[in-house]
N, C-alpha and C. Protein backbone atom coordinates (compact mmCIF):
# COMPACT_ATOMS: atom_id res chain seq x y z
N MET A 1 -19.93 47.76 -15.10
CA MET A 1 -18.99 46.75 -15.53
C MET A 1 -18.14 47.26 -16.69
N ARG A 2 -16.88 46.90 -16.66
CA ARG A 2 -15.97 47.31 -17.72
C ARG A 2 -16.23 46.53 -18.99
N ASN A 3 -16.00 47.17 -20.06
CA ASN A 3 -16.12 46.50 -21.35
C ASN A 3 -14.75 45.96 -21.71
N GLN A 4 -14.57 44.64 -21.62
CA GLN A 4 -13.30 44.03 -21.96
C GLN A 4 -13.33 43.56 -23.40
N ARG A 5 -12.22 43.73 -24.03
CA ARG A 5 -12.12 43.27 -25.41
C ARG A 5 -11.70 41.82 -25.39
N SER A 6 -12.40 41.02 -26.09
CA SER A 6 -12.07 39.62 -26.20
C SER A 6 -12.13 39.24 -27.67
N TYR A 7 -11.10 38.62 -28.11
CA TYR A 7 -11.04 38.23 -29.51
C TYR A 7 -11.46 36.78 -29.64
N GLU A 8 -12.35 36.51 -30.55
CA GLU A 8 -12.82 35.16 -30.79
C GLU A 8 -12.05 34.56 -31.96
N PHE A 9 -11.58 33.33 -31.75
CA PHE A 9 -10.94 32.62 -32.84
C PHE A 9 -12.00 31.95 -33.68
N ARG A 10 -11.60 31.46 -34.78
CA ARG A 10 -12.51 30.86 -35.74
C ARG A 10 -13.29 29.68 -35.14
N TRP A 11 -12.68 28.93 -34.19
CA TRP A 11 -13.33 27.74 -33.64
C TRP A 11 -14.09 28.04 -32.36
N GLY A 12 -14.24 29.32 -32.00
CA GLY A 12 -15.02 29.70 -30.84
C GLY A 12 -14.20 29.90 -29.58
N PHE A 13 -12.87 29.82 -29.67
CA PHE A 13 -12.02 30.04 -28.51
C PHE A 13 -11.84 31.53 -28.29
N SER A 14 -11.95 31.93 -27.06
CA SER A 14 -11.71 33.32 -26.71
C SER A 14 -10.24 33.48 -26.34
N LEU A 15 -9.60 34.52 -26.83
CA LEU A 15 -8.20 34.77 -26.53
C LEU A 15 -8.00 35.00 -25.04
N THR A 16 -8.91 35.72 -24.42
CA THR A 16 -8.80 36.00 -22.98
C THR A 16 -8.89 34.72 -22.17
N LYS A 17 -9.84 33.88 -22.49
CA LYS A 17 -10.01 32.61 -21.77
C LYS A 17 -8.82 31.69 -22.01
N THR A 18 -8.30 31.68 -23.22
CA THR A 18 -7.16 30.83 -23.55
C THR A 18 -5.93 31.27 -22.77
N VAL A 19 -5.69 32.57 -22.70
CA VAL A 19 -4.53 33.09 -21.96
C VAL A 19 -4.70 32.77 -20.46
N ARG A 20 -5.91 32.95 -19.92
CA ARG A 20 -6.15 32.61 -18.52
C ARG A 20 -5.89 31.13 -18.26
N TRP A 21 -6.35 30.28 -19.16
CA TRP A 21 -6.17 28.84 -19.00
C TRP A 21 -4.69 28.49 -19.04
N LEU A 22 -3.94 29.07 -19.97
CA LEU A 22 -2.51 28.82 -20.07
C LEU A 22 -1.77 29.30 -18.82
N CYS A 23 -2.16 30.46 -18.29
CA CYS A 23 -1.53 30.98 -17.06
C CYS A 23 -1.83 30.06 -15.88
N ALA A 24 -3.05 29.56 -15.80
CA ALA A 24 -3.41 28.64 -14.71
C ALA A 24 -2.60 27.34 -14.82
N MET A 25 -2.45 26.81 -16.01
CA MET A 25 -1.67 25.58 -16.20
C MET A 25 -0.21 25.81 -15.87
N LEU A 26 0.33 26.95 -16.27
CA LEU A 26 1.72 27.28 -15.96
C LEU A 26 1.92 27.41 -14.45
N ALA A 27 0.98 28.04 -13.77
CA ALA A 27 1.07 28.18 -12.31
C ALA A 27 1.02 26.82 -11.63
N MET A 28 0.16 25.93 -12.10
CA MET A 28 0.07 24.59 -11.52
C MET A 28 1.36 23.82 -11.74
N LEU A 29 1.95 23.94 -12.90
CA LEU A 29 3.22 23.26 -13.17
C LEU A 29 4.34 23.80 -12.28
N MET A 30 4.34 25.10 -12.06
CA MET A 30 5.37 25.69 -11.22
C MET A 30 5.21 25.27 -9.77
N LEU A 31 3.97 25.12 -9.30
CA LEU A 31 3.74 24.67 -7.94
C LEU A 31 4.05 23.18 -7.77
N ALA A 32 3.83 22.42 -8.82
CA ALA A 32 4.05 20.97 -8.74
C ALA A 32 5.54 20.63 -8.82
N GLN A 33 6.35 21.49 -9.35
CA GLN A 33 7.77 21.20 -9.51
C GLN A 33 8.47 20.89 -8.19
N PRO A 34 8.29 21.68 -7.12
CA PRO A 34 8.97 21.34 -5.85
C PRO A 34 8.50 20.01 -5.28
N LEU A 35 7.24 19.62 -5.52
CA LEU A 35 6.74 18.35 -5.01
C LEU A 35 7.46 17.18 -5.66
N SER A 36 7.68 17.27 -6.96
CA SER A 36 8.35 16.16 -7.64
C SER A 36 9.83 16.09 -7.26
N ALA A 37 10.41 17.20 -6.85
CA ALA A 37 11.82 17.20 -6.46
C ALA A 37 12.01 16.46 -5.13
N ALA A 38 10.94 16.33 -4.32
CA ALA A 38 11.04 15.67 -3.03
C ALA A 38 10.95 14.15 -3.12
N ILE A 39 10.65 13.61 -4.28
CA ILE A 39 10.53 12.16 -4.44
C ILE A 39 11.93 11.55 -4.42
N PRO A 40 12.14 10.57 -3.55
CA PRO A 40 13.49 9.98 -3.47
C PRO A 40 13.84 9.23 -4.76
N THR A 41 15.10 9.29 -5.09
CA THR A 41 15.55 8.60 -6.30
C THR A 41 16.27 7.31 -5.99
N LYS A 42 16.63 7.10 -4.72
CA LYS A 42 17.28 5.86 -4.31
C LYS A 42 16.35 5.10 -3.39
N PHE A 43 16.19 3.83 -3.66
CA PHE A 43 15.31 2.98 -2.88
C PHE A 43 16.11 1.84 -2.27
N LEU A 44 15.68 1.40 -1.12
CA LEU A 44 16.30 0.26 -0.45
C LEU A 44 15.59 -1.00 -0.88
N PHE A 45 16.33 -1.96 -1.34
CA PHE A 45 15.77 -3.26 -1.72
C PHE A 45 16.33 -4.30 -0.79
N GLN A 46 15.44 -5.05 -0.16
CA GLN A 46 15.87 -6.10 0.74
C GLN A 46 15.13 -7.38 0.38
N HIS A 47 15.85 -8.47 0.29
CA HIS A 47 15.31 -9.76 -0.09
C HIS A 47 15.17 -10.64 1.16
N TRP A 48 13.97 -11.16 1.39
CA TRP A 48 13.73 -12.06 2.52
C TRP A 48 13.38 -13.44 2.00
N ASP A 49 13.87 -14.45 2.68
CA ASP A 49 13.51 -15.83 2.36
C ASP A 49 13.58 -16.65 3.64
N THR A 50 13.59 -17.97 3.51
CA THR A 50 13.60 -18.82 4.70
C THR A 50 14.86 -18.62 5.54
N SER A 51 15.97 -18.25 4.90
CA SER A 51 17.18 -18.01 5.68
C SER A 51 17.06 -16.72 6.51
N SER A 52 16.14 -15.83 6.14
CA SER A 52 15.89 -14.61 6.90
C SER A 52 14.88 -14.83 8.02
N GLY A 53 14.18 -15.97 7.96
CA GLY A 53 13.19 -16.27 8.99
C GLY A 53 11.79 -16.49 8.48
N LEU A 54 11.55 -16.34 7.20
CA LEU A 54 10.22 -16.60 6.66
C LEU A 54 9.92 -18.10 6.72
N PRO A 55 8.64 -18.48 6.92
CA PRO A 55 8.31 -19.90 6.95
C PRO A 55 8.37 -20.57 5.58
N HIS A 56 8.27 -19.79 4.51
CA HIS A 56 8.34 -20.33 3.14
C HIS A 56 8.80 -19.21 2.22
N ASN A 57 9.42 -19.55 1.11
CA ASN A 57 9.91 -18.55 0.18
C ASN A 57 8.83 -17.92 -0.69
N THR A 58 7.65 -18.54 -0.78
CA THR A 58 6.57 -18.00 -1.59
C THR A 58 5.63 -17.20 -0.70
N VAL A 59 5.58 -15.90 -0.92
CA VAL A 59 4.67 -15.01 -0.18
C VAL A 59 3.45 -14.76 -1.04
N ARG A 60 2.29 -15.07 -0.50
CA ARG A 60 1.03 -14.93 -1.24
C ARG A 60 0.23 -13.69 -0.88
N ALA A 61 0.47 -13.12 0.31
CA ALA A 61 -0.29 -11.96 0.75
C ALA A 61 0.55 -11.11 1.69
N ILE A 62 0.32 -9.80 1.66
CA ILE A 62 1.03 -8.86 2.52
C ILE A 62 0.03 -7.84 3.04
N ALA A 63 0.14 -7.50 4.34
CA ALA A 63 -0.69 -6.45 4.93
C ALA A 63 0.08 -5.80 6.06
N GLN A 64 -0.25 -4.56 6.35
CA GLN A 64 0.35 -3.86 7.48
C GLN A 64 -0.76 -3.43 8.42
N THR A 65 -0.62 -3.78 9.70
CA THR A 65 -1.61 -3.41 10.70
C THR A 65 -1.32 -2.01 11.24
N PRO A 66 -2.31 -1.37 11.85
CA PRO A 66 -2.10 -0.01 12.37
C PRO A 66 -0.96 0.12 13.38
N ASN A 67 -0.60 -0.96 14.06
CA ASN A 67 0.50 -0.89 15.02
C ASN A 67 1.88 -0.99 14.36
N GLY A 68 1.92 -1.08 13.03
CA GLY A 68 3.18 -1.03 12.29
C GLY A 68 3.74 -2.36 11.85
N TYR A 69 3.18 -3.47 12.34
CA TYR A 69 3.69 -4.77 11.92
C TYR A 69 3.38 -5.03 10.46
N LEU A 70 4.32 -5.67 9.78
CA LEU A 70 4.12 -6.13 8.42
C LEU A 70 3.85 -7.62 8.49
N TRP A 71 2.72 -8.06 7.96
CA TRP A 71 2.31 -9.47 7.98
C TRP A 71 2.46 -10.04 6.60
N LEU A 72 3.03 -11.26 6.53
CA LEU A 72 3.22 -11.93 5.26
C LEU A 72 2.58 -13.31 5.33
N GLY A 73 1.75 -13.60 4.37
CA GLY A 73 1.12 -14.91 4.27
C GLY A 73 1.88 -15.77 3.29
N THR A 74 2.32 -16.94 3.73
CA THR A 74 3.10 -17.83 2.88
C THR A 74 2.38 -19.17 2.73
N GLU A 75 2.98 -20.05 1.97
CA GLU A 75 2.42 -21.39 1.78
C GLU A 75 2.60 -22.26 3.03
N ASN A 76 3.43 -21.82 3.96
CA ASN A 76 3.69 -22.62 5.15
C ASN A 76 3.39 -21.86 6.45
N GLY A 77 2.50 -20.87 6.38
CA GLY A 77 2.10 -20.16 7.59
C GLY A 77 2.15 -18.66 7.44
N LEU A 78 1.98 -18.02 8.57
CA LEU A 78 1.90 -16.57 8.67
C LEU A 78 3.15 -16.05 9.36
N ALA A 79 3.66 -14.91 8.91
CA ALA A 79 4.85 -14.31 9.52
C ALA A 79 4.56 -12.85 9.86
N ARG A 80 5.00 -12.44 11.04
CA ARG A 80 4.88 -11.04 11.47
C ARG A 80 6.28 -10.44 11.52
N PHE A 81 6.46 -9.33 10.83
CA PHE A 81 7.77 -8.69 10.75
C PHE A 81 7.71 -7.35 11.46
N ASP A 82 8.64 -7.13 12.40
CA ASP A 82 8.66 -5.90 13.17
C ASP A 82 9.70 -4.90 12.67
N GLY A 83 10.32 -5.21 11.56
CA GLY A 83 11.36 -4.35 11.00
C GLY A 83 12.75 -4.91 11.22
N VAL A 84 12.85 -5.89 12.13
CA VAL A 84 14.14 -6.51 12.44
C VAL A 84 14.09 -8.02 12.22
N ARG A 85 13.06 -8.65 12.78
CA ARG A 85 12.99 -10.12 12.69
C ARG A 85 11.55 -10.58 12.46
N PHE A 86 11.44 -11.84 12.07
CA PHE A 86 10.14 -12.47 11.82
C PHE A 86 9.71 -13.30 13.02
N GLU A 87 8.41 -13.26 13.29
CA GLU A 87 7.80 -14.21 14.22
C GLU A 87 6.80 -15.01 13.41
N ASN A 88 6.98 -16.33 13.40
CA ASN A 88 6.17 -17.19 12.55
C ASN A 88 5.03 -17.84 13.32
N PHE A 89 3.92 -18.00 12.60
CA PHE A 89 2.74 -18.68 13.13
C PHE A 89 2.38 -19.79 12.14
N GLY A 90 2.50 -21.01 12.60
CA GLY A 90 2.21 -22.17 11.76
C GLY A 90 1.57 -23.27 12.58
N ARG A 91 1.51 -24.45 12.01
CA ARG A 91 0.90 -25.59 12.70
C ARG A 91 1.59 -25.90 14.02
N GLU A 92 2.89 -25.71 14.08
CA GLU A 92 3.67 -26.09 15.27
C GLU A 92 3.32 -25.23 16.49
N ASN A 93 3.21 -23.92 16.30
CA ASN A 93 2.98 -23.04 17.45
C ASN A 93 1.60 -22.39 17.47
N THR A 94 0.80 -22.61 16.44
CA THR A 94 -0.56 -22.07 16.38
C THR A 94 -1.50 -23.19 15.93
N PRO A 95 -1.95 -24.04 16.89
CA PRO A 95 -2.74 -25.21 16.52
C PRO A 95 -4.03 -24.90 15.79
N VAL A 96 -4.60 -23.70 16.01
CA VAL A 96 -5.84 -23.37 15.34
C VAL A 96 -5.65 -23.21 13.83
N LEU A 97 -4.43 -22.92 13.40
CA LEU A 97 -4.11 -22.74 11.98
C LEU A 97 -3.82 -24.11 11.37
N GLN A 98 -4.87 -24.84 11.05
CA GLN A 98 -4.72 -26.18 10.50
C GLN A 98 -4.26 -26.18 9.05
N ASP A 99 -4.71 -25.17 8.30
CA ASP A 99 -4.28 -25.04 6.90
C ASP A 99 -3.29 -23.87 6.84
N PRO A 100 -2.01 -24.13 6.72
CA PRO A 100 -1.02 -23.05 6.78
C PRO A 100 -0.85 -22.25 5.48
N ASN A 101 -1.56 -22.62 4.42
CA ASN A 101 -1.42 -21.93 3.14
C ASN A 101 -2.22 -20.62 3.17
N VAL A 102 -1.59 -19.53 3.63
CA VAL A 102 -2.25 -18.24 3.76
C VAL A 102 -2.27 -17.55 2.40
N THR A 103 -3.48 -17.26 1.92
CA THR A 103 -3.65 -16.66 0.60
C THR A 103 -4.23 -15.25 0.63
N PHE A 104 -4.69 -14.81 1.81
CA PHE A 104 -5.35 -13.51 1.91
C PHE A 104 -5.04 -12.87 3.26
N LEU A 105 -4.71 -11.59 3.26
CA LEU A 105 -4.51 -10.80 4.47
C LEU A 105 -5.17 -9.45 4.29
N GLN A 106 -5.91 -9.02 5.30
CA GLN A 106 -6.53 -7.69 5.26
C GLN A 106 -6.52 -7.10 6.65
N ALA A 107 -5.94 -5.93 6.80
CA ALA A 107 -5.89 -5.25 8.10
C ALA A 107 -7.13 -4.38 8.24
N GLY A 108 -7.86 -4.57 9.34
CA GLY A 108 -9.03 -3.76 9.62
C GLY A 108 -8.64 -2.47 10.32
N ALA A 109 -9.52 -1.48 10.29
CA ALA A 109 -9.24 -0.19 10.91
C ALA A 109 -9.13 -0.31 12.43
N ASN A 110 -9.80 -1.31 13.00
CA ASN A 110 -9.76 -1.49 14.46
C ASN A 110 -8.54 -2.31 14.91
N GLY A 111 -7.68 -2.70 13.99
CA GLY A 111 -6.48 -3.45 14.34
C GLY A 111 -6.58 -4.94 14.11
N THR A 112 -7.77 -5.44 13.80
CA THR A 112 -7.94 -6.86 13.52
C THR A 112 -7.31 -7.20 12.18
N LEU A 113 -6.57 -8.28 12.15
CA LEU A 113 -5.99 -8.78 10.91
C LEU A 113 -6.80 -9.99 10.46
N TRP A 114 -7.36 -9.91 9.28
CA TRP A 114 -8.12 -11.02 8.71
C TRP A 114 -7.17 -11.87 7.90
N VAL A 115 -7.16 -13.16 8.21
CA VAL A 115 -6.24 -14.11 7.60
C VAL A 115 -7.06 -15.17 6.88
N GLY A 116 -6.88 -15.26 5.58
CA GLY A 116 -7.60 -16.25 4.79
C GLY A 116 -6.67 -17.34 4.29
N THR A 117 -7.10 -18.57 4.48
CA THR A 117 -6.37 -19.72 3.93
C THR A 117 -7.22 -20.33 2.83
N SER A 118 -6.76 -21.41 2.25
CA SER A 118 -7.54 -22.04 1.19
C SER A 118 -8.79 -22.72 1.73
N SER A 119 -8.93 -22.84 3.06
CA SER A 119 -10.11 -23.52 3.59
C SER A 119 -10.87 -22.73 4.66
N ARG A 120 -10.29 -21.63 5.18
CA ARG A 120 -10.95 -20.97 6.31
C ARG A 120 -10.50 -19.51 6.44
N LEU A 121 -11.33 -18.71 7.13
CA LEU A 121 -11.01 -17.32 7.43
C LEU A 121 -10.79 -17.19 8.94
N TYR A 122 -9.68 -16.57 9.33
CA TYR A 122 -9.33 -16.37 10.73
C TYR A 122 -9.24 -14.88 11.04
N ALA A 123 -9.27 -14.55 12.31
CA ALA A 123 -9.08 -13.17 12.75
C ALA A 123 -7.99 -13.14 13.82
N TRP A 124 -7.03 -12.25 13.66
CA TRP A 124 -5.98 -12.04 14.65
C TRP A 124 -6.36 -10.79 15.43
N ASP A 125 -6.60 -10.94 16.72
CA ASP A 125 -7.07 -9.81 17.54
C ASP A 125 -5.94 -9.09 18.27
N GLY A 126 -4.71 -9.40 17.95
CA GLY A 126 -3.57 -8.79 18.60
C GLY A 126 -2.87 -9.74 19.54
N TRP A 127 -3.57 -10.80 19.94
CA TRP A 127 -2.99 -11.78 20.88
C TRP A 127 -3.09 -13.19 20.38
N ARG A 128 -4.13 -13.49 19.63
CA ARG A 128 -4.32 -14.88 19.19
C ARG A 128 -5.11 -14.92 17.88
N LEU A 129 -5.01 -16.04 17.24
CA LEU A 129 -5.71 -16.29 15.98
C LEU A 129 -6.96 -17.10 16.29
N THR A 130 -8.11 -16.60 15.89
CA THR A 130 -9.38 -17.33 16.13
C THR A 130 -10.15 -17.51 14.85
C-alpha cells in the first residue's frame, strides 16, 4: 500500500477527505444542473366552476384513477373529467348516492375509486357506484 500524506486540521478534519468531499459535492451539483433546467417555467392555469360543468363550485376532494380520469368530489355530487368535459354523478342520475356531499376520494391500484361522503363510503368499479 502507498503511503499517502494527509494533513490533519486542528478539529480532526483530514485535508484529503475534505477535498474528496468537496469534489463529490461539486460533481453532484454539476449533474443536477441539467435536471433543473428541464423544469418548465410556464404553467397552464384553468378555472372550472358550474359554468364549466361542475355540479358545485366547492371541490372537496380530487383523485386520478389509473385510466386517466380526474375525479372531483363536490358538495353536490361527484364529477369525472376526461380532459375535455365533465360527467356528473348526483342524486338525479345516481340514486345510490343519497348524500351528494363528497368529502373523500381515493384511487386504488386496481382501478377502484373510493368515494366518501359525510355519511357513507362507496366504491366505483368502473361502471357503477356501490
